[in-house]
Amino acid sequence: MIRVLLAAACLVFTAATLQANGLDDLKAANTAAQHGKFDEAVHLFSQALAAGDLSPADRVAAYKGRASEYIGKSLIDDAFARLDQARQARNDAIADFTAALKLKTDDAALYVARAQAYAFNGENDSAIADFDAALKLDNSPLTLLQRGASLLAKGDYDRAIADYTAALAVAGKGAKDSKDAGLDAADIHSERGKAQFIAAHYADAAADFDKALTLGLAARSGDVLWRPYQMAWLHVARARAGQNDAEELARNAGKIDVKQWPGTLVAYFLGQAKIDQLTPPSSHGAMGHARACNLSFFAGEQALAKNDNAEAVRLFTRARAVCNIHTAQYLAAGVELKRLGK
């Protein structure tokens, strides 16, 4: 009888040991996440948290890791227009970030991560509150840019532009996180230009896009997409500001391939191509959607500059249908439609 009891006790002890091995599960979860195995990673993070033997720091890591997996899944759901699933995944992420913040209240990165999840869900006030909390802990230019984006989405244009301006000042002092992210003044001028454009400050937007082009060319000489898109933003800003940029546009066009997308967009602005010649043969997949999005948005702005409101409405409606909901083009097209009474 004693032997049986001892054997049973050993089994219980062994089972408890196996169940309470949270640190191994956490390590395995991180490995699964690194290899893009979402379901396995989420299961292992959950198992690690359920074990009950993780230190507070490891619990924070597990919550943060699982939340990051939920965010990654949500962006894939967004890309395939599974919007309800994307929102639920982000709600799960928000719950995990909240749990992590209860354990580590002074972590700016956790506030930023939860703010991003709120922002993706369109909960701009909650996002801004978290960005505020993060900035009290770390005055990061990246966080300023992200808070600016949430303010812009909310329609608080003056405060958004002020955040982009502040980000320029902080980044100019050599902030480490901006260097780590590959962020430079050209990026910030470009983002502030978009904010100025959406706010209908077209001359200021043109000045920012021009500055972004000037500052960014050397570092992006091998990027065949960056320059044409910057030129497109600059052109529509000048057009909406009533500025004649024919000579500047022709001069800039000589520096890109106007026979290949997105250079063909500049050819369209120059009257060297018609819009139906630029329409992608298929809108399936991310690349097709991105091209259809940009073509619809920029052609819509061109139509507005020419006072063709009916065509602008058609094109902006198309942009809202094909643009990723987290892009400036999607936001700007919605603002334009609202101003047009649609």
Protein backbone atom coordinates (compact mmCIF):
# COMPACT_ATOMS: atom_id res chain seq x y z
CA MET A 1 0.00 0.00 0.00
CA ILE A 2 2.79 2.42 0.91
CA ARG A 3 4.54 1.52 -2.34
CA VAL A 4 1.37 2.34 -4.30
CA LEU A 5 0.99 5.68 -2.52
CA LEU A 6 4.60 6.56 -3.18
CA ALA A 7 4.20 5.65 -6.84
CA ALA A 8 1.06 7.79 -7.10
CA ALA A 9 2.83 10.71 -5.41
CA CYS A 10 5.69 10.41 -7.90
CA LEU A 11 3.23 10.49 -10.80
CA VAL A 12 1.55 13.62 -9.42
CA PHE A 13 4.91 15.30 -8.89
CA THR A 14 6.06 14.37 -12.41
CA ALA A 15 2.82 15.63 -13.97
CA ALA A 16 3.06 18.89 -12.05
CA THR A 17 6.64 19.32 -13.20
CA LEU A 18 5.67 18.75 -16.83
CA GLN A 19 2.70 21.12 -16.61
CA ALA A 20 4.64 23.87 -14.89
CA ASN A 21 7.48 24.09 -17.41
CA GLY A 22 6.42 27.52 -18.63
CA LEU A 23 9.86 28.80 -19.52
CA ASP A 24 10.43 26.00 -22.04
CA ASP A 25 7.03 26.74 -23.58
CA LEU A 26 7.95 30.42 -23.80
CA LYS A 27 11.21 29.63 -25.57
CA ALA A 28 9.40 27.27 -27.97
CA ALA A 29 6.73 29.94 -28.59
CA ASN A 30 9.36 32.49 -29.55
CA THR A 31 10.94 29.99 -31.93
CA ALA A 32 7.57 29.24 -33.53
CA ALA A 33 6.88 32.96 -33.89
CA GLN A 34 10.25 33.50 -35.59
CA HIS A 35 9.32 30.82 -38.14
CA GLY A 36 5.89 32.31 -38.85
CA LYS A 37 3.95 29.48 -37.17
CA PHE A 38 1.10 31.60 -35.79
CA ASP A 39 -1.20 28.91 -34.36
CA GLU A 40 1.65 27.02 -32.74
CA ALA A 41 3.13 30.21 -31.29
CA VAL A 42 -0.19 31.36 -29.81
CA HIS A 43 -0.80 27.90 -28.32
CA LEU A 44 2.66 27.80 -26.74
CA PHE A 45 2.44 31.37 -25.38
CA SER A 46 -0.93 30.46 -23.85
CA GLN A 47 0.50 27.27 -22.39
CA ALA A 48 3.45 29.16 -20.93
CA LEU A 49 1.13 31.67 -19.26
CA ALA A 50 -1.12 28.92 -17.93
CA ALA A 51 1.80 27.07 -16.35
CA GLY A 52 1.92 29.57 -13.52
CA ASP A 53 5.68 29.41 -12.98
CA LEU A 54 6.88 32.30 -15.15
CA SER A 55 8.60 35.25 -13.51
CA PRO A 56 6.85 38.64 -13.91
CA ALA A 57 9.35 39.60 -16.62
CA ASP A 58 8.70 36.36 -18.51
CA ARG A 59 4.94 36.81 -18.18
CA VAL A 60 5.32 40.25 -19.76
CA ALA A 61 7.33 38.68 -22.57
CA ALA A 62 4.70 35.98 -23.10
CA TYR A 63 1.81 38.45 -23.18
CA LYS A 64 3.75 40.71 -25.54
CA GLY A 65 4.74 37.80 -27.78
CA ARG A 66 1.19 36.48 -28.06
CA ALA A 67 -0.15 39.97 -28.69
CA SER A 68 2.37 40.49 -31.48
CA GLU A 69 1.15 37.28 -33.12
CA TYR A 70 -2.44 38.53 -32.94
CA ILE A 71 -1.39 41.82 -34.57
CA GLY A 72 0.40 40.01 -37.38
CA LYS A 73 -2.67 37.87 -38.01
CA SER A 74 -4.91 40.96 -37.99
CA LEU A 75 -2.89 42.62 -40.74
CA ILE A 76 -3.18 39.51 -42.91
CA ASP A 77 -6.93 39.53 -42.28
CA ASP A 78 -7.04 43.21 -43.28
CA ALA A 79 -5.26 42.44 -46.55
CA PHE A 80 -7.96 39.90 -47.41
CA ALA A 81 -10.81 42.17 -46.22
CA ARG A 82 -11.65 39.89 -43.27
CA LEU A 83 -12.29 42.98 -41.20
CA ASP A 84 -14.30 41.42 -38.36
CA GLN A 85 -11.62 38.81 -37.81
CA ALA A 86 -8.93 41.48 -37.93
CA ARG A 87 -10.72 43.54 -35.30
CA GLN A 88 -11.16 40.53 -33.01
CA ALA A 89 -7.48 39.62 -33.32
CA ARG A 90 -6.54 43.17 -32.34
CA ASN A 91 -8.96 43.08 -29.41
CA ASP A 92 -7.15 39.95 -28.23
CA ALA A 93 -3.83 41.78 -28.64
CA ILE A 94 -5.12 44.78 -26.69
CA ALA A 95 -6.14 42.47 -23.83
CA ASP A 96 -2.65 40.96 -23.76
CA PHE A 97 -0.89 44.32 -23.88
CA THR A 98 -3.15 45.49 -21.03
CA ALA A 99 -2.20 42.45 -18.96
CA ALA A 100 1.49 43.14 -19.66
CA LEU A 101 1.13 46.79 -18.65
CA LYS A 102 -0.34 45.77 -15.30
CA LEU A 103 2.95 43.99 -14.64
CA LYS A 104 5.20 46.66 -16.12
CA THR A 105 3.60 50.08 -15.95
CA ASP A 106 6.66 52.07 -17.02
CA ASP A 107 7.27 50.39 -20.40
CA ALA A 108 6.92 52.93 -23.21
CA ALA A 109 7.14 50.23 -25.88
CA LEU A 110 4.10 48.43 -24.43
CA TYR A 111 2.06 51.63 -24.50
CA VAL A 112 3.10 52.19 -28.12
CA ALA A 113 2.22 48.61 -29.07
CA ARG A 114 -1.24 48.86 -27.51
CA ALA A 115 -1.72 52.27 -29.11
CA GLN A 116 -0.93 50.78 -32.52
CA ALA A 117 -3.56 48.08 -31.97
CA TYR A 118 -6.12 50.72 -31.00
CA ALA A 119 -5.15 52.80 -34.04
CA PHE A 120 -5.55 49.84 -36.41
CA ASN A 121 -9.04 49.37 -34.97
CA GLY A 122 -9.87 53.03 -35.57
CA GLU A 123 -10.08 53.74 -31.82
CA ASN A 124 -8.14 56.94 -32.16
CA ASP A 125 -8.85 58.48 -28.74
CA SER A 126 -7.58 55.35 -26.97
CA ALA A 127 -4.55 55.25 -29.26
CA ILE A 128 -3.73 58.89 -28.58
CA ALA A 129 -4.01 58.35 -24.82
CA ASP A 130 -1.51 55.49 -25.01
CA PHE A 131 0.85 57.46 -27.25
CA ASP A 132 0.62 60.28 -24.67
CA ALA A 133 1.63 57.86 -21.91
CA ALA A 134 4.52 56.52 -23.99
CA LEU A 135 5.81 60.00 -24.79
CA LYS A 136 5.91 60.89 -21.09
CA LEU A 137 8.33 58.00 -20.69
CA ASP A 138 10.29 58.44 -23.93
CA ASN A 139 10.04 61.44 -26.25
CA SER A 140 10.55 59.36 -29.37
CA PRO A 141 10.18 60.79 -32.89
CA LEU A 142 8.66 57.49 -34.00
CA THR A 143 5.98 57.76 -31.33
CA LEU A 144 5.34 61.38 -32.27
CA LEU A 145 4.81 60.29 -35.89
CA GLN A 146 2.39 57.59 -34.82
CA ARG A 147 0.43 59.89 -32.54
CA GLY A 148 0.33 62.36 -35.42
CA ALA A 149 -1.20 59.67 -37.63
CA SER A 150 -3.93 58.97 -35.07
CA LEU A 151 -4.65 62.68 -34.70
CA LEU A 152 -4.82 62.94 -38.49
CA ALA A 153 -7.26 60.02 -38.72
CA LYS A 154 -9.36 61.70 -36.03
CA GLY A 155 -9.43 64.93 -38.04
CA ASP A 156 -7.36 66.96 -35.55
CA TYR A 157 -5.12 68.31 -38.30
CA ASP A 158 -3.36 71.12 -36.44
CA ARG A 159 -2.20 68.84 -33.62
CA ALA A 160 -1.18 66.15 -36.12
CA ILE A 161 1.00 68.57 -38.04
CA ALA A 162 2.48 69.83 -34.77
CA ASP A 163 3.51 66.26 -33.91
CA TYR A 164 5.23 65.79 -37.26
CA THR A 165 7.04 69.09 -36.74
CA ALA A 166 8.12 68.00 -33.26
CA ALA A 167 9.31 64.67 -34.68
CA LEU A 168 11.52 66.55 -37.13
CA ALA A 169 13.07 68.50 -34.26
CA VAL A 170 13.69 65.41 -32.11
CA ALA A 171 15.05 63.33 -34.99
CA GLY A 172 17.31 66.23 -35.91
CA LYS A 173 19.00 65.81 -32.56
CA GLY A 174 20.00 62.27 -33.48
CA ALA A 175 17.37 60.22 -31.65
CA LYS A 176 18.55 56.61 -31.52
CA ASP A 177 15.23 54.96 -32.33
CA SER A 178 14.81 56.94 -35.54
CA LYS A 179 18.24 55.73 -36.71
CA ASP A 180 17.45 52.15 -35.72
CA ALA A 181 14.24 52.28 -37.77
CA GLY A 182 15.98 53.82 -40.77
CA LEU A 183 13.90 56.95 -40.30
CA ASP A 184 15.31 60.23 -41.57
CA ALA A 185 14.15 63.79 -42.19
CA ALA A 186 12.97 62.89 -45.70
CA ASP A 187 10.52 60.36 -44.25
CA ILE A 188 9.16 62.85 -41.75
CA HIS A 189 8.79 65.61 -44.34
CA SER A 190 6.92 63.15 -46.55
CA GLU A 191 4.55 62.17 -43.72
CA ARG A 192 3.99 65.78 -42.71
CA GLY A 193 3.35 66.58 -46.37
CA LYS A 194 0.55 64.00 -46.44
CA ALA A 195 -0.92 65.48 -43.27
CA GLN A 196 -0.75 68.98 -44.75
CA PHE A 197 -2.38 67.68 -47.94
CA ILE A 198 -5.25 65.99 -46.11
CA ALA A 199 -5.72 69.19 -44.10
CA ALA A 200 -6.02 71.07 -47.46
CA HIS A 201 -2.81 73.05 -46.80
CA TYR A 202 -1.65 72.33 -50.33
CA ALA A 203 1.20 74.84 -50.63
CA ASP A 204 2.68 73.66 -47.33
CA ALA A 205 2.26 70.05 -48.47
CA ALA A 206 4.12 70.80 -51.71
CA ALA A 207 6.96 72.38 -49.74
CA ASP A 208 7.27 69.25 -47.60
CA PHE A 209 7.19 66.86 -50.56
CA ASP A 210 9.78 68.96 -52.38
CA LYS A 211 11.99 68.86 -49.28
CA ALA A 212 11.51 65.10 -48.97
CA LEU A 213 12.62 64.62 -52.58
CA THR A 214 15.68 66.80 -52.10
CA LEU A 215 16.74 65.11 -48.87
CA GLY A 216 15.87 61.54 -49.79
CA LEU A 217 17.27 61.03 -53.27
CA ALA A 218 20.79 60.00 -52.32
CA ALA A 219 19.71 57.37 -49.81
CA ARG A 220 17.03 55.95 -52.10
CA SER A 221 18.81 55.97 -55.44
CA GLY A 222 18.12 52.25 -55.87
CA ASP A 223 14.43 52.42 -54.94
CA VAL A 224 12.46 52.51 -58.20
CA LEU A 225 9.17 53.12 -56.38
CA TRP A 226 10.04 55.88 -53.93
CA ARG A 227 10.87 58.71 -56.31
CA PRO A 228 7.84 58.36 -58.66
CA TYR A 229 5.42 58.25 -55.74
CA GLN A 230 7.05 61.27 -54.11
CA MET A 231 6.80 63.07 -57.45
CA ALA A 232 3.12 62.14 -57.65
CA TRP A 233 2.41 63.57 -54.20
CA LEU A 234 4.37 66.71 -55.06
CA HIS A 235 2.51 67.16 -58.35
CA VAL A 236 -1.01 66.80 -56.93
CA ALA A 237 -0.10 69.13 -54.05
CA ARG A 238 1.11 71.76 -56.49
CA ALA A 239 -1.95 71.23 -58.68
CA ARG A 240 -4.36 71.60 -55.76
CA ALA A 241 -2.44 74.70 -54.64
CA GLY A 242 -2.92 76.22 -58.12
CA GLN A 243 0.81 76.11 -58.87
CA ASN A 244 2.00 75.43 -62.42
CA ASP A 245 4.60 72.69 -62.12
CA ALA A 246 4.81 71.69 -65.80
CA GLU A 247 8.53 72.42 -66.09
CA GLU A 248 9.38 70.82 -62.74
CA LEU A 249 7.33 67.71 -63.54
CA ALA A 250 8.96 67.31 -66.97
CA ARG A 251 12.40 67.79 -65.43
CA ASN A 252 11.72 65.19 -62.76
CA ALA A 253 10.23 62.79 -65.32
CA GLY A 254 13.57 62.75 -67.09
CA LYS A 255 15.08 61.04 -64.05
CA ILE A 256 12.74 58.03 -63.98
CA ASP A 257 11.41 55.35 -66.36
CA VAL A 258 8.03 56.72 -67.45
CA LYS A 259 7.25 53.51 -69.35
CA GLN A 260 7.16 51.37 -66.20
CA TRP A 261 4.80 51.69 -63.23
CA PRO A 262 4.79 53.87 -61.18
CA GLY A 263 6.71 56.09 -63.61
CA THR A 264 3.74 55.74 -65.98
CA LEU A 265 1.70 57.67 -63.42
CA VAL A 266 3.96 60.66 -64.06
CA ALA A 267 3.51 60.12 -67.80
CA TYR A 268 -0.25 60.36 -67.17
CA PHE A 269 0.22 63.68 -65.38
CA LEU A 270 2.22 64.92 -68.36
CA GLY A 271 -0.54 63.93 -70.78
CA GLN A 272 1.63 61.20 -72.34
CA ALA A 273 -0.67 58.35 -71.29
CA LYS A 274 -4.38 57.81 -70.70
CA ILE A 275 -5.76 56.39 -67.50
CA ASP A 276 -7.11 53.25 -69.17
CA GLN A 277 -3.58 52.50 -70.37
CA LEU A 278 -2.38 52.45 -66.77
CA THR A 279 -5.11 50.23 -65.35
CA PRO A 280 -3.58 47.02 -63.98
CA PRO A 281 -4.67 43.89 -65.84
CA SER A 282 -5.72 42.32 -62.53
CA SER A 283 -6.40 43.70 -59.09
CA HIS A 284 -5.83 40.34 -57.40
CA GLY A 285 -3.10 40.28 -54.80
CA ALA A 286 -1.35 43.00 -52.84
CA MET A 287 0.61 44.40 -55.79
CA GLY A 288 -2.48 44.74 -57.99
CA HIS A 289 -4.45 46.39 -55.21
CA ALA A 290 -1.62 48.81 -54.43
CA ARG A 291 -1.38 49.89 -58.05
CA ALA A 292 -5.15 50.27 -58.42
CA CYS A 293 -5.23 52.22 -55.16
CA ASN A 294 -2.55 54.70 -56.15
CA LEU A 295 -3.87 55.13 -59.67
CA SER A 296 -7.41 55.81 -58.43
CA PHE A 297 -6.31 58.21 -55.71
CA PHE A 298 -3.82 60.30 -57.70
CA ALA A 299 -6.06 60.40 -60.79
CA GLY A 300 -8.89 61.54 -58.50
CA GLU A 301 -6.74 64.41 -57.23
CA GLN A 302 -5.86 65.29 -60.82
CA ALA A 303 -9.57 65.37 -61.67
CA LEU A 304 -10.28 67.66 -58.72
CA ALA A 305 -7.52 70.02 -59.82
CA LYS A 306 -9.29 70.20 -63.20
CA ASN A 307 -12.66 70.81 -61.51
CA ASP A 308 -14.06 67.50 -62.76
CA ASN A 309 -15.87 66.62 -59.57
CA ALA A 310 -17.93 63.77 -61.04
CA GLU A 311 -14.79 61.94 -62.21
CA ALA A 312 -13.11 62.67 -58.88
CA VAL A 313 -16.01 61.09 -57.00
CA ARG A 314 -15.84 57.98 -59.19
CA LEU A 315 -12.09 57.62 -58.69
CA PHE A 316 -12.10 58.29 -54.94
CA THR A 317 -14.92 55.79 -54.49
CA ARG A 318 -12.76 53.26 -56.31
CA ALA A 319 -9.79 54.15 -54.09
CA ARG A 320 -11.85 53.51 -50.96
CA ALA A 321 -12.76 50.09 -52.38
CA VAL A 322 -9.23 48.94 -53.25
CA CYS A 323 -6.84 50.79 -50.93
CA ASN A 324 -5.63 49.17 -47.74
CA ILE A 325 -7.60 50.81 -44.93
CA HIS A 326 -4.41 51.79 -43.10
CA THR A 327 -2.95 53.90 -45.95
CA ALA A 328 -2.88 57.67 -46.35
CA GLN A 329 -4.56 57.23 -49.75
CA TYR A 330 -7.55 55.50 -48.17
CA LEU A 331 -7.87 58.22 -45.53
CA ALA A 332 -7.39 61.07 -48.01
CA ALA A 333 -9.92 59.63 -50.48
CA GLY A 334 -12.49 59.45 -47.69
CA VAL A 335 -11.82 63.07 -46.69
CA GLU A 336 -12.17 64.20 -50.31
CA LEU A 337 -15.48 62.36 -50.74
CA LYS A 338 -16.80 63.96 -47.57
CA ARG A 339 -15.80 67.41 -48.82
CA LEU A 340 -17.59 66.63 -52.08
CA GLY A 341 -20.73 65.77 -50.14
CA LYS A 342 -20.50 62.02 -50.76
